[in-house]
Protein backbone atom coordinates (compact mmCIF):
# COMPACT_ATOMS: atom_id res chain seq x y z
CA MET A 1 -3.76 33.86 -8.52
CA ILE A 2 -0.59 34.02 -6.83
CA LEU A 3 -1.13 34.56 -3.21
CA GLY A 4 1.88 34.41 -1.14
CA ILE A 5 5.24 33.83 -1.96
CA ARG A 6 8.57 32.84 0.78
CA GLN A 7 12.17 32.24 -0.07
CA GLY A 8 14.08 29.29 2.06
CA ALA A 9 16.90 27.18 0.63
CA THR A 10 14.62 24.05 0.35
CA GLU A 11 10.58 23.15 1.52
CA ASN A 12 10.32 22.82 4.87
CA ALA A 13 8.06 23.18 7.94
CA THR A 14 9.42 26.53 8.59
CA VAL A 15 9.06 28.21 5.65
CA VAL A 16 5.87 26.56 4.49
CA GLY A 17 4.49 27.38 7.87
CA GLU A 18 5.01 30.81 7.91
CA LEU A 19 3.65 31.41 4.15
CA LEU A 20 0.24 29.63 5.14
CA GLY A 21 0.36 31.80 8.27
CA ASP A 22 0.97 35.08 6.30
CA LEU A 23 -2.22 34.07 4.09
CA VAL A 24 -4.18 33.40 7.20
CA ASN A 25 -3.05 36.55 8.46
CA ARG A 26 -4.07 38.36 5.35
CA GLY A 27 -7.73 37.02 5.95
CA LEU A 28 -7.78 33.79 3.97
CA ASP A 29 -10.13 31.59 5.34
CA PHE A 30 -8.54 27.84 5.64
CA LEU A 31 -11.92 26.59 7.11
CA GLU A 32 -13.65 27.36 3.77
CA PRO A 33 -13.84 24.01 1.59
CA ARG A 34 -10.88 23.57 -0.21
CA LEU A 35 -8.79 21.35 -2.90
CA TYR A 36 -5.11 21.44 -2.29
CA VAL A 37 -3.39 20.14 -5.33
CA LEU A 38 0.01 19.28 -3.56
CA ASP A 39 3.17 17.84 -5.07
CA GLY A 40 3.90 15.13 -2.38
CA GLY A 41 6.00 16.94 -0.24
CA LYS A 42 5.17 16.17 3.55
CA ALA A 43 6.26 19.90 4.77
CA LEU A 44 3.18 21.41 2.88
CA THR A 45 0.88 18.77 3.47
CA THR A 46 1.81 18.94 7.28
CA ALA A 47 1.24 22.82 6.84
CA VAL A 48 -1.95 22.30 4.55
CA LYS A 49 -3.77 20.04 7.38
CA LYS A 50 -2.71 22.02 10.33
CA TYR A 51 -4.41 25.21 9.16
CA ALA A 52 -7.41 22.93 7.02
CA GLY A 53 -7.89 20.64 9.39
CA GLU A 54 -7.02 16.80 9.23
CA SER A 55 -9.88 16.05 6.56
CA ALA A 56 -8.87 18.36 4.10
CA SER A 57 -9.33 17.47 0.77
CA ILE A 58 -5.38 16.74 -0.56
CA GLN A 59 -4.94 16.06 -4.38
CA ARG A 60 -1.57 14.22 -4.71
CA CYS A 61 0.15 15.37 -8.14
CA GLN A 62 -0.39 12.21 -10.47
CA VAL A 63 2.54 13.12 -12.65
CA HIS A 64 4.91 13.66 -9.22
CA LYS A 65 3.84 9.94 -8.34
CA GLN A 66 4.19 8.46 -12.07
CA ARG A 67 7.95 10.37 -11.63
CA ASN A 68 8.55 8.38 -8.60
CA LEU A 69 7.82 5.26 -9.75
CA ARG A 70 9.89 5.71 -13.13
CA GLU A 71 12.85 6.51 -11.13
CA HIS A 72 12.57 2.96 -8.61
CA LEU A 73 11.97 0.82 -11.97
CA PRO A 74 14.42 -0.37 -14.81
CA GLU A 75 13.57 1.20 -18.03
CA GLU A 76 11.73 -2.25 -19.24
CA ARG A 77 9.22 -1.98 -16.72
CA HIS A 78 8.25 1.80 -17.23
CA GLY A 79 5.79 1.57 -20.31
CA TYR A 80 3.70 -1.26 -18.60
CA VAL A 81 3.77 0.58 -15.00
CA LEU A 82 3.28 3.86 -16.48
CA SER A 83 0.13 3.08 -18.89
CA THR A 84 -1.32 0.83 -15.98
CA MET A 85 -1.46 4.17 -13.86
CA ARG A 86 -2.40 6.46 -16.44
CA ASP A 87 -5.02 3.72 -17.33
CA ALA A 88 -6.42 3.77 -13.00
CA TYR A 89 -6.41 7.55 -13.17
CA GLY A 90 -8.72 8.00 -16.11
CA ALA A 91 -11.11 5.39 -14.49
CA ALA A 92 -14.69 6.15 -14.05
CA THR A 93 -14.75 5.43 -10.20
CA ALA A 94 -12.66 5.76 -7.34
CA ASN A 95 -13.31 2.17 -6.95
CA THR A 96 -12.45 0.97 -10.34
CA ALA A 97 -9.03 3.13 -9.81
CA ARG A 98 -8.11 1.75 -6.41
CA LYS A 99 -8.53 -1.54 -7.65
CA LYS A 100 -6.07 -0.93 -10.79
CA LEU A 101 -3.57 0.57 -8.59
CA ARG A 102 -3.61 -1.92 -6.08
CA GLY A 103 -3.47 -4.58 -8.36
CA LEU A 104 -0.16 -2.70 -9.56
CA VAL A 105 1.37 -2.70 -6.41
CA SER A 106 0.61 -6.60 -6.27
CA TRP A 107 2.33 -6.98 -9.65
CA LEU A 108 5.27 -4.77 -8.52
CA GLU A 109 5.79 -6.65 -4.96
CA THR A 110 5.47 -10.33 -6.87
CA ASN A 111 8.33 -8.94 -9.83
CA GLY A 112 10.34 -8.31 -6.89
CA HIS A 113 10.20 -4.29 -7.42
CA ASP A 114 9.56 -3.61 -3.15
CA ASP A 115 10.66 -0.09 -3.32
CA ALA A 116 8.45 0.80 -6.08
CA ALA A 117 5.30 -0.92 -4.76
CA ALA A 118 5.95 1.29 -1.33
CA SER A 119 6.31 4.42 -3.38
CA LEU A 120 2.48 3.98 -4.93
CA ARG A 121 0.77 2.63 -1.90
CA GLU A 122 2.36 5.63 -0.23
CA GLY A 123 -0.34 8.30 -0.76
CA LEU A 124 -2.75 6.67 -3.14
CA GLU A 125 -5.50 7.46 -1.70
CA GLU A 126 -4.68 11.40 -1.92
CA THR A 127 -3.75 10.92 -5.89
CA LEU A 128 -7.32 9.97 -6.55
CA THR A 129 -9.09 12.92 -4.40
CA VAL A 130 -10.47 14.42 -8.16
CA VAL A 131 -12.28 10.48 -8.66
CA LYS A 132 -13.63 10.48 -5.63
CA LEU A 133 -14.91 14.50 -6.10
CA GLU A 134 -16.51 12.67 -8.82
CA LEU A 135 -15.62 15.57 -11.05
CA PRO A 136 -16.13 15.99 -15.00
CA LEU A 137 -13.21 14.25 -16.81
CA THR A 138 -12.01 18.01 -18.31
CA LEU A 139 -12.02 19.50 -14.89
CA ARG A 140 -10.14 16.53 -13.17
CA ARG A 141 -7.46 16.36 -15.26
CA SER A 142 -6.67 20.10 -14.70
CA LEU A 143 -6.71 19.60 -10.88
CA ALA A 144 -5.06 16.24 -10.97
CA THR A 145 -1.41 17.58 -11.36
CA THR A 146 0.36 20.56 -10.31
CA ASN A 147 1.55 21.18 -13.93
CA SER A 148 0.60 25.10 -13.38
CA ILE A 149 2.75 25.44 -10.47
CA GLU A 150 5.17 24.03 -12.66
CA ASN A 151 4.77 26.48 -15.25
CA LEU A 152 4.89 28.76 -12.78
CA VAL A 153 8.21 28.08 -11.71
CA SER A 154 9.43 27.47 -15.29
CA SER A 155 8.62 30.92 -16.03
CA ILE A 156 11.00 32.15 -12.63
CA ARG A 157 13.83 30.10 -14.00
CA ARG A 158 13.68 31.53 -17.65
CA VAL A 159 13.52 35.40 -16.17
CA THR A 160 16.77 34.39 -13.47
CA ARG A 161 18.41 31.77 -15.70
CA ASN A 162 21.26 34.40 -16.44
CA VAL A 163 22.21 36.17 -13.03
CA LYS A 164 25.58 35.04 -12.29
CA ARG A 165 25.60 36.30 -8.56
CA TRP A 166 23.31 36.39 -6.53
CA ARG A 167 23.63 39.17 -3.53
CA GLY A 168 20.77 38.51 -0.50
CA GLY A 169 17.42 37.98 -0.23
CA ASP A 170 16.30 41.06 -1.26
CA MET A 171 17.54 40.68 -5.05
CA ILE A 172 16.10 37.20 -4.91
CA ARG A 173 12.62 38.11 -4.38
CA ARG A 174 13.06 41.23 -6.70
CA TRP A 175 13.91 38.84 -9.48
CA ALA A 176 11.56 36.03 -8.60
CA GLY A 177 8.93 38.81 -8.37
CA LEU A 178 9.53 39.95 -11.65
CA GLY A 179 9.44 36.11 -12.67
CA LEU A 180 6.13 35.89 -11.23
CA PHE A 181 4.93 38.80 -13.04
CA ASN A 182 5.88 37.93 -16.35
CA ALA A 183 3.95 34.58 -15.68
CA VAL A 184 0.84 36.22 -14.71
CA LYS A 185 0.27 38.15 -17.74
CA ARG A 186 0.06 34.84 -19.13
CA PHE A 187 -1.95 33.06 -17.06
CA ARG A 188 -5.53 31.53 -18.61
CA ARG A 189 -8.78 29.69 -17.58
CA ILE A 190 -7.63 26.07 -16.72
CA LYS A 191 -9.51 23.69 -19.04
CA GLY A 192 -13.16 22.48 -17.33
CA TYR A 193 -13.48 26.35 -15.68
CA ARG A 194 -17.33 26.20 -16.31
CA GLU A 195 -17.39 22.96 -14.02
CA MET A 196 -15.91 24.74 -11.31
CA PRO A 197 -19.32 25.05 -9.60
CA LYS A 198 -19.54 21.00 -9.17
CA LEU A 199 -16.45 21.16 -7.39
CA VAL A 200 -16.91 23.20 -4.77
CA THR A 201 -20.56 21.54 -4.05
CA ALA A 202 -18.63 18.19 -3.81
CA LEU A 203 -16.03 19.99 -1.18
CA ARG A 204 -19.17 20.61 0.35
CA ILE A 205 -20.34 17.56 0.84
CA VAL A 206 -17.08 16.07 1.78
CA GLU A 207 -17.17 18.70 4.68
CA ALA A 208 -20.63 17.92 5.51
CA LYS A 209 -19.58 14.41 5.92
CA ALA A 210 -16.74 15.54 8.20
CA GLU A 211 -18.59 17.11 10.51
CA VAL A 212 -21.04 14.25 10.99
CA ALA A 213 -18.21 11.77 11.60
């Protein structure tokens, strides 16, 4: 379900803050435990923590993290690094996944890829949130990436690709709205949706532990 949309030249704190603030004004309770699946943009992460609290359960997109690593590495390193990351993200436990990723960080540093190592280290724990929640594998895969949002954005691009000249914000919003309307008609349940009660239970446990701490 699409809850809101904001126009901006790029993702920034002002635009994201207005988007989430509008959701609050319309009745969305950010104190309710939720899983926030984000692409790693700092503005969005900061805004979510502002409204949902520092202990909010944030899942960093694993696909974006793999793309970031690939951009820091020569092509001959891609196969080993990406396969190791996929193996880690598919691990049965968070401890196993963490060990594999930290081992990869060390390997990258040893082989002179300090920037790639820093990229992997940054936000590492947030890429493992669905693993730490101990979700069923199918549901974990569905919620580990921002693919659903990426598909939505692609739908908007398809609708707007023939526009040659944009004439103001109203026109942009109308065309974006049309793209969203067309995309919604093709929405389907995520794979593993029957296991969603387990996600709710896991998030409530995380919330309870945060309150005790």
